[in-house]
Protein backbone atom coordinates (compact mmCIF):
# COMPACT_ATOMS: atom_id res chain seq x y z
CA MET A 1 -62.48 -10.19 -32.38
CA THR A 2 -65.48 -11.99 -33.84
CA ASP A 3 -65.13 -15.61 -34.87
CA PHE A 4 -66.95 -16.78 -37.98
CA LEU A 5 -68.59 -20.19 -37.99
CA GLN A 6 -70.08 -22.69 -40.41
CA VAL A 7 -72.89 -24.49 -38.60
CA SER A 8 -74.30 -27.80 -39.78
CA THR A 9 -77.21 -30.10 -39.11
CA THR A 10 -79.05 -32.78 -41.08
CA THR A 11 -82.71 -33.37 -41.87
CA ASP A 12 -84.78 -36.10 -43.46
CA SER A 13 -86.06 -33.87 -46.29
CA ARG A 14 -85.09 -30.90 -48.42
CA GLU A 15 -88.26 -29.07 -47.35
CA VAL A 16 -87.39 -29.28 -43.64
CA GLY A 17 -83.85 -28.11 -44.36
CA MET A 18 -85.10 -25.17 -46.42
CA GLU A 19 -87.49 -24.12 -43.66
CA LEU A 20 -84.67 -24.24 -41.10
CA ILE A 21 -82.40 -22.00 -43.18
CA ARG A 22 -85.25 -19.67 -44.16
CA SER A 23 -86.24 -19.11 -40.54
CA ALA A 24 -82.66 -18.78 -39.26
CA VAL A 25 -81.57 -16.35 -41.98
CA GLY A 26 -84.88 -14.47 -41.66
CA ALA A 27 -84.17 -13.98 -37.95
CA LYS A 28 -80.61 -12.77 -38.77
CA LEU A 29 -79.13 -15.66 -36.79
CA ALA A 30 -77.20 -16.64 -39.93
CA ALA A 31 -76.19 -14.65 -42.99
CA SER A 32 -76.78 -17.48 -45.46
CA GLY A 33 -77.45 -21.17 -45.73
CA GLN A 34 -77.63 -24.07 -48.14
CA VAL A 35 -79.28 -27.47 -48.20
CA LEU A 36 -77.42 -30.26 -50.01
CA GLY A 37 -78.38 -33.83 -50.64
CA PRO A 38 -79.54 -36.34 -50.33
CA ALA A 39 -76.54 -38.06 -48.77
CA GLY A 40 -76.42 -41.68 -47.69
CA SER A 41 -75.93 -42.08 -43.96
CA ALA A 42 -75.43 -44.69 -41.27
CA PHE A 43 -76.09 -43.92 -37.60
CA TRP A 44 -76.96 -45.30 -34.19
CA HIS A 45 -80.54 -44.60 -33.07
CA LEU A 46 -82.05 -46.00 -29.87
CA GLY A 47 -79.39 -48.71 -29.74
CA GLU A 48 -79.88 -49.88 -33.32
CA LEU A 49 -77.84 -49.29 -36.45
CA GLY A 50 -79.82 -47.33 -39.00
CA VAL A 51 -79.19 -46.39 -42.59
CA GLY A 52 -80.96 -43.89 -44.78
CA GLU A 53 -80.76 -40.63 -46.63
CA GLU A 54 -80.32 -37.22 -45.07
CA TRP A 55 -80.05 -33.67 -46.32
CA GLN A 56 -77.08 -31.62 -45.10
CA VAL A 57 -77.84 -28.10 -43.88
CA PHE A 58 -75.07 -25.47 -43.66
CA LEU A 59 -75.32 -21.95 -42.26
CA ARG A 60 -72.76 -19.19 -41.77
CA THR A 61 -72.87 -17.06 -38.63
CA THR A 62 -70.69 -15.37 -36.01
CA SER A 63 -69.70 -16.69 -32.60
CA ASP A 64 -71.81 -13.90 -31.10
CA ARG A 65 -74.96 -15.36 -32.70
CA TYR A 66 -74.14 -19.07 -32.35
CA ALA A 67 -75.98 -19.79 -29.08
CA GLU A 68 -79.20 -18.27 -30.42
CA LEU A 69 -78.82 -20.11 -33.74
CA GLU A 70 -78.22 -23.42 -31.96
CA GLN A 71 -81.31 -22.89 -29.81
CA HIS A 72 -83.36 -21.94 -32.90
CA LEU A 73 -82.28 -25.05 -34.81
CA ILE A 74 -83.01 -27.38 -31.90
CA GLU A 75 -86.41 -25.79 -31.23
CA HIS A 76 -87.49 -25.88 -34.89
CA HIS A 77 -85.98 -29.24 -35.85
CA PRO A 78 -88.45 -32.15 -35.96
CA TRP A 79 -85.95 -34.59 -34.37
CA ASP A 80 -85.60 -34.95 -30.60
CA ASN A 81 -81.80 -34.74 -30.61
CA PRO A 82 -80.58 -33.23 -33.89
CA GLU A 83 -76.91 -32.85 -34.70
CA VAL A 84 -75.91 -29.20 -34.44
CA THR A 85 -72.16 -28.62 -34.84
CA TYR A 86 -69.90 -25.86 -36.04
CA THR A 87 -66.51 -25.40 -37.62
CA ARG A 88 -64.56 -22.16 -37.32
CA ILE A 89 -63.99 -20.31 -40.56
CA GLU A 90 -60.28 -19.57 -40.30
CA GLY A 91 -60.06 -17.29 -43.31
CA GLY A 92 -61.96 -15.62 -46.09
CA SER A 93 -62.12 -12.45 -48.08
CA ALA A 94 -62.38 -9.34 -45.92
CA ALA A 95 -65.44 -8.14 -47.85
CA TYR A 96 -67.27 -11.46 -47.37
CA LEU A 97 -66.50 -11.64 -43.66
CA GLU A 98 -67.64 -8.04 -43.18
CA TRP A 99 -70.88 -8.89 -45.02
CA LEU A 100 -71.36 -11.93 -42.75
CA ARG A 101 -70.82 -9.78 -39.64
CA ARG A 102 -73.19 -7.08 -40.93
CA GLU A 103 -75.99 -9.50 -41.90
CA THR A 104 -75.99 -11.21 -38.50
CA SER A 105 -76.00 -8.01 -36.46
CA PRO A 106 -79.19 -7.76 -34.41
């Protein structure tokens, strides 16, 4: 059985986030994506506390495509060590989940 995932990362601009989702969806590594923000953030970077604004990037994919999507995001992200995480989608309409599966099929 295929697992469905919501994958997230952050960027420092809307434009970078849009390019990440455009390239990932274009490659069929994700069925859809959104960029939301800006969001205030606090984080540790090189041993120092930083604060700033980030844009949240969300993509929907299947577990079968996750490894390729993760690699794509890391390779195309301007940061050296970007956050790339996922959460399992535990439910959803059958028609939507079938669409997600179909749109991420190679």
